[in-house]
């Protein structure tokens, strides 16, 4: 388990930061009409932010 965390710490950090960013985006900006696919629901926004954060920081991980 320690080796997995040590090898993937950058992706995990990006996922957590993205989840927080996605939730804050929903909370502060959101969707006024309620018809937005991602930002109308806090779970969708948080999951999308986590996915994008993990994918973005995985670009900087050494193989």
N, C-alpha and C. Protein backbone atom coordinates (compact mmCIF):
# COMPACT_ATOMS: atom_id res chain seq x y z
N UNK A 1 0.82 -1.19 0.00
CA UNK A 1 0.00 0.00 0.00
C UNK A 1 0.87 1.26 0.00
N UNK A 2 1.94 1.25 0.79
CA UNK A 2 2.81 2.41 0.85
C UNK A 2 3.47 2.67 -0.50
N UNK A 3 3.84 1.59 -1.19
CA UNK A 3 4.47 1.76 -2.50
C UNK A 3 3.48 2.33 -3.51
N UNK A 4 2.24 1.90 -3.44
CA UNK A 4 1.21 2.42 -4.34
C UNK A 4 1.01 3.91 -4.10
N UNK A 5 0.91 4.30 -2.84
CA UNK A 5 0.72 5.72 -2.52
C UNK A 5 1.92 6.55 -2.92
N UNK A 6 3.11 6.01 -2.70
CA UNK A 6 4.32 6.73 -3.05
C UNK A 6 4.45 6.88 -4.57
N UNK A 7 4.04 5.87 -5.31
CA UNK A 7 4.16 5.91 -6.76
C UNK A 7 3.10 6.81 -7.41
N UNK A 8 1.95 6.95 -6.75
CA UNK A 8 0.83 7.68 -7.36
C UNK A 8 0.40 8.90 -6.56
N UNK A 9 1.30 9.46 -5.78
CA UNK A 9 0.91 10.58 -4.92
C UNK A 9 0.50 11.80 -5.73
N UNK A 10 1.07 12.00 -6.88
CA UNK A 10 0.74 13.17 -7.69
C UNK A 10 -0.69 13.07 -8.23
N UNK A 11 -1.08 11.90 -8.67
CA UNK A 11 -2.44 11.70 -9.18
C UNK A 11 -3.46 11.83 -8.04
N UNK A 12 -3.12 11.30 -6.88
CA UNK A 12 -4.03 11.39 -5.74
C UNK A 12 -4.20 12.83 -5.30
N UNK A 13 -3.10 13.57 -5.27
CA UNK A 13 -3.19 15.00 -4.90
C UNK A 13 -4.00 15.78 -5.92
N UNK A 14 -3.82 15.48 -7.20
CA UNK A 14 -4.60 16.16 -8.24
C UNK A 14 -6.07 15.84 -8.15
N UNK A 15 -6.38 14.59 -7.82
CA UNK A 15 -7.78 14.19 -7.67
C UNK A 15 -8.44 14.92 -6.51
N UNK A 16 -7.74 14.99 -5.39
CA UNK A 16 -8.30 15.68 -4.22
C UNK A 16 -8.44 17.18 -4.48
N UNK A 17 -7.44 17.79 -5.07
CA UNK A 17 -7.51 19.22 -5.37
C UNK A 17 -8.61 19.51 -6.39
N UNK A 18 -8.75 18.64 -7.38
CA UNK A 18 -9.80 18.81 -8.38
C UNK A 18 -11.19 18.66 -7.79
N UNK A 19 -11.34 17.73 -6.85
CA UNK A 19 -12.64 17.54 -6.20
C UNK A 19 -13.02 18.78 -5.40
N UNK A 20 -12.06 19.33 -4.68
CA UNK A 20 -12.33 20.56 -3.91
C UNK A 20 -12.65 21.71 -4.86
N UNK A 21 -11.89 21.81 -5.94
CA UNK A 21 -12.14 22.86 -6.92
C UNK A 21 -13.49 22.71 -7.60
N UNK A 22 -13.88 21.49 -7.92
CA UNK A 22 -15.18 21.26 -8.53
C UNK A 22 -16.33 21.61 -7.61
N UNK A 23 -16.19 21.26 -6.33
CA UNK A 23 -17.23 21.61 -5.36
C UNK A 23 -17.31 23.12 -5.18
N UNK A 24 -16.15 23.76 -5.07
CA UNK A 24 -16.16 25.22 -4.91
C UNK A 24 -16.74 25.91 -6.14
N UNK A 25 -16.49 25.35 -7.32
CA UNK A 25 -17.07 25.93 -8.52
C UNK A 25 -18.59 25.82 -8.47
N UNK A 26 -19.10 24.67 -8.04
CA UNK A 26 -20.55 24.52 -7.93
C UNK A 26 -21.11 25.49 -6.90
N UNK A 27 -20.41 25.63 -5.76
CA UNK A 27 -20.90 26.47 -4.68
C UNK A 27 -20.86 27.95 -5.04
N UNK A 28 -19.77 28.40 -5.67
CA UNK A 28 -19.60 29.82 -5.93
C UNK A 28 -20.17 30.29 -7.27
N UNK A 29 -20.07 29.46 -8.30
CA UNK A 29 -20.54 29.86 -9.63
C UNK A 29 -21.85 29.15 -9.96
N UNK A 30 -21.81 27.83 -9.97
CA UNK A 30 -23.01 27.02 -10.15
C UNK A 30 -23.71 27.24 -11.47
N UNK A 31 -25.00 26.96 -11.45
CA UNK A 31 -25.84 27.07 -12.64
C UNK A 31 -27.17 27.66 -12.20
N UNK A 32 -27.48 28.83 -12.67
CA UNK A 32 -28.70 29.50 -12.21
C UNK A 32 -29.98 28.88 -12.76
N UNK A 33 -29.92 28.30 -13.95
CA UNK A 33 -31.15 27.74 -14.54
C UNK A 33 -31.40 26.30 -14.13
N UNK A 34 -30.37 25.58 -13.70
CA UNK A 34 -30.53 24.19 -13.31
C UNK A 34 -30.47 23.21 -14.47
N UNK A 35 -30.17 23.69 -15.67
CA UNK A 35 -30.13 22.81 -16.84
C UNK A 35 -28.71 22.46 -17.26
N UNK A 36 -27.72 22.94 -16.54
CA UNK A 36 -26.33 22.63 -16.87
C UNK A 36 -26.02 21.20 -16.46
N UNK A 37 -25.40 20.45 -17.34
CA UNK A 37 -25.16 19.03 -17.08
C UNK A 37 -24.18 18.80 -15.93
N UNK A 38 -23.15 19.61 -15.83
CA UNK A 38 -22.11 19.37 -14.83
C UNK A 38 -22.34 20.20 -13.57
N UNK A 39 -22.62 21.46 -13.70
CA UNK A 39 -22.64 22.35 -12.54
C UNK A 39 -24.00 22.46 -11.86
N UNK A 40 -25.01 21.75 -12.31
CA UNK A 40 -26.31 21.85 -11.65
C UNK A 40 -26.38 20.96 -10.40
N UNK A 41 -25.49 19.99 -10.28
CA UNK A 41 -25.50 19.06 -9.17
C UNK A 41 -24.11 19.05 -8.52
N UNK A 42 -24.02 19.14 -7.19
CA UNK A 42 -22.70 19.17 -6.56
C UNK A 42 -21.90 17.89 -6.76
N UNK A 43 -22.56 16.75 -6.84
CA UNK A 43 -21.84 15.50 -7.05
C UNK A 43 -21.22 15.44 -8.44
N UNK A 44 -21.96 15.88 -9.44
CA UNK A 44 -21.42 15.91 -10.80
C UNK A 44 -20.22 16.85 -10.90
N UNK A 45 -20.35 18.01 -10.31
CA UNK A 45 -19.29 19.00 -10.37
C UNK A 45 -18.04 18.52 -9.61
N UNK A 46 -18.24 17.89 -8.46
CA UNK A 46 -17.12 17.38 -7.68
C UNK A 46 -16.42 16.24 -8.41
N UNK A 47 -17.21 15.31 -8.98
CA UNK A 47 -16.62 14.19 -9.70
C UNK A 47 -15.87 14.66 -10.94
N UNK A 48 -16.43 15.60 -11.67
CA UNK A 48 -15.78 16.12 -12.87
C UNK A 48 -14.48 16.83 -12.51
N UNK A 49 -14.50 17.61 -11.44
CA UNK A 49 -13.28 18.28 -10.99
C UNK A 49 -12.21 17.29 -10.56
N UNK A 50 -12.61 16.23 -9.87
CA UNK A 50 -11.66 15.20 -9.44
C UNK A 50 -11.06 14.50 -10.65
N UNK A 51 -11.87 14.19 -11.62
CA UNK A 51 -11.40 13.52 -12.83
C UNK A 51 -10.40 14.41 -13.59
N UNK A 52 -10.75 15.67 -13.77
CA UNK A 52 -9.88 16.58 -14.49
C UNK A 52 -8.58 16.85 -13.73
N UNK A 53 -8.66 16.98 -12.40
CA UNK A 53 -7.46 17.20 -11.60
C UNK A 53 -6.52 16.01 -11.65
N UNK A 54 -7.06 14.81 -11.54
CA UNK A 54 -6.24 13.61 -11.62
C UNK A 54 -5.60 13.43 -12.98
N UNK A 55 -6.38 13.68 -14.03
CA UNK A 55 -5.84 13.55 -15.38
C UNK A 55 -4.77 14.61 -15.66
N UNK A 56 -5.00 15.82 -15.19
CA UNK A 56 -4.04 16.89 -15.45
C UNK A 56 -2.71 16.62 -14.76
N UNK A 57 -2.74 16.26 -13.49
CA UNK A 57 -1.48 16.04 -12.79
C UNK A 57 -0.82 14.73 -13.17
N UNK A 58 -1.56 13.82 -13.79
CA UNK A 58 -0.93 12.59 -14.27
C UNK A 58 0.00 12.88 -15.44
N UNK A 59 -0.18 14.02 -16.09
CA UNK A 59 0.72 14.40 -17.17
C UNK A 59 2.14 14.63 -16.68
N UNK A 60 2.30 15.01 -15.42
CA UNK A 60 3.61 15.35 -14.88
C UNK A 60 4.27 14.19 -14.14
N UNK A 61 3.62 13.03 -14.10
CA UNK A 61 4.18 11.88 -13.42
C UNK A 61 5.19 11.17 -14.32
N UNK A 62 6.31 10.82 -13.76
CA UNK A 62 7.34 10.10 -14.51
C UNK A 62 6.91 8.65 -14.64
N UNK A 63 7.16 8.08 -15.79
CA UNK A 63 6.77 6.68 -16.01
C UNK A 63 7.82 5.70 -15.58
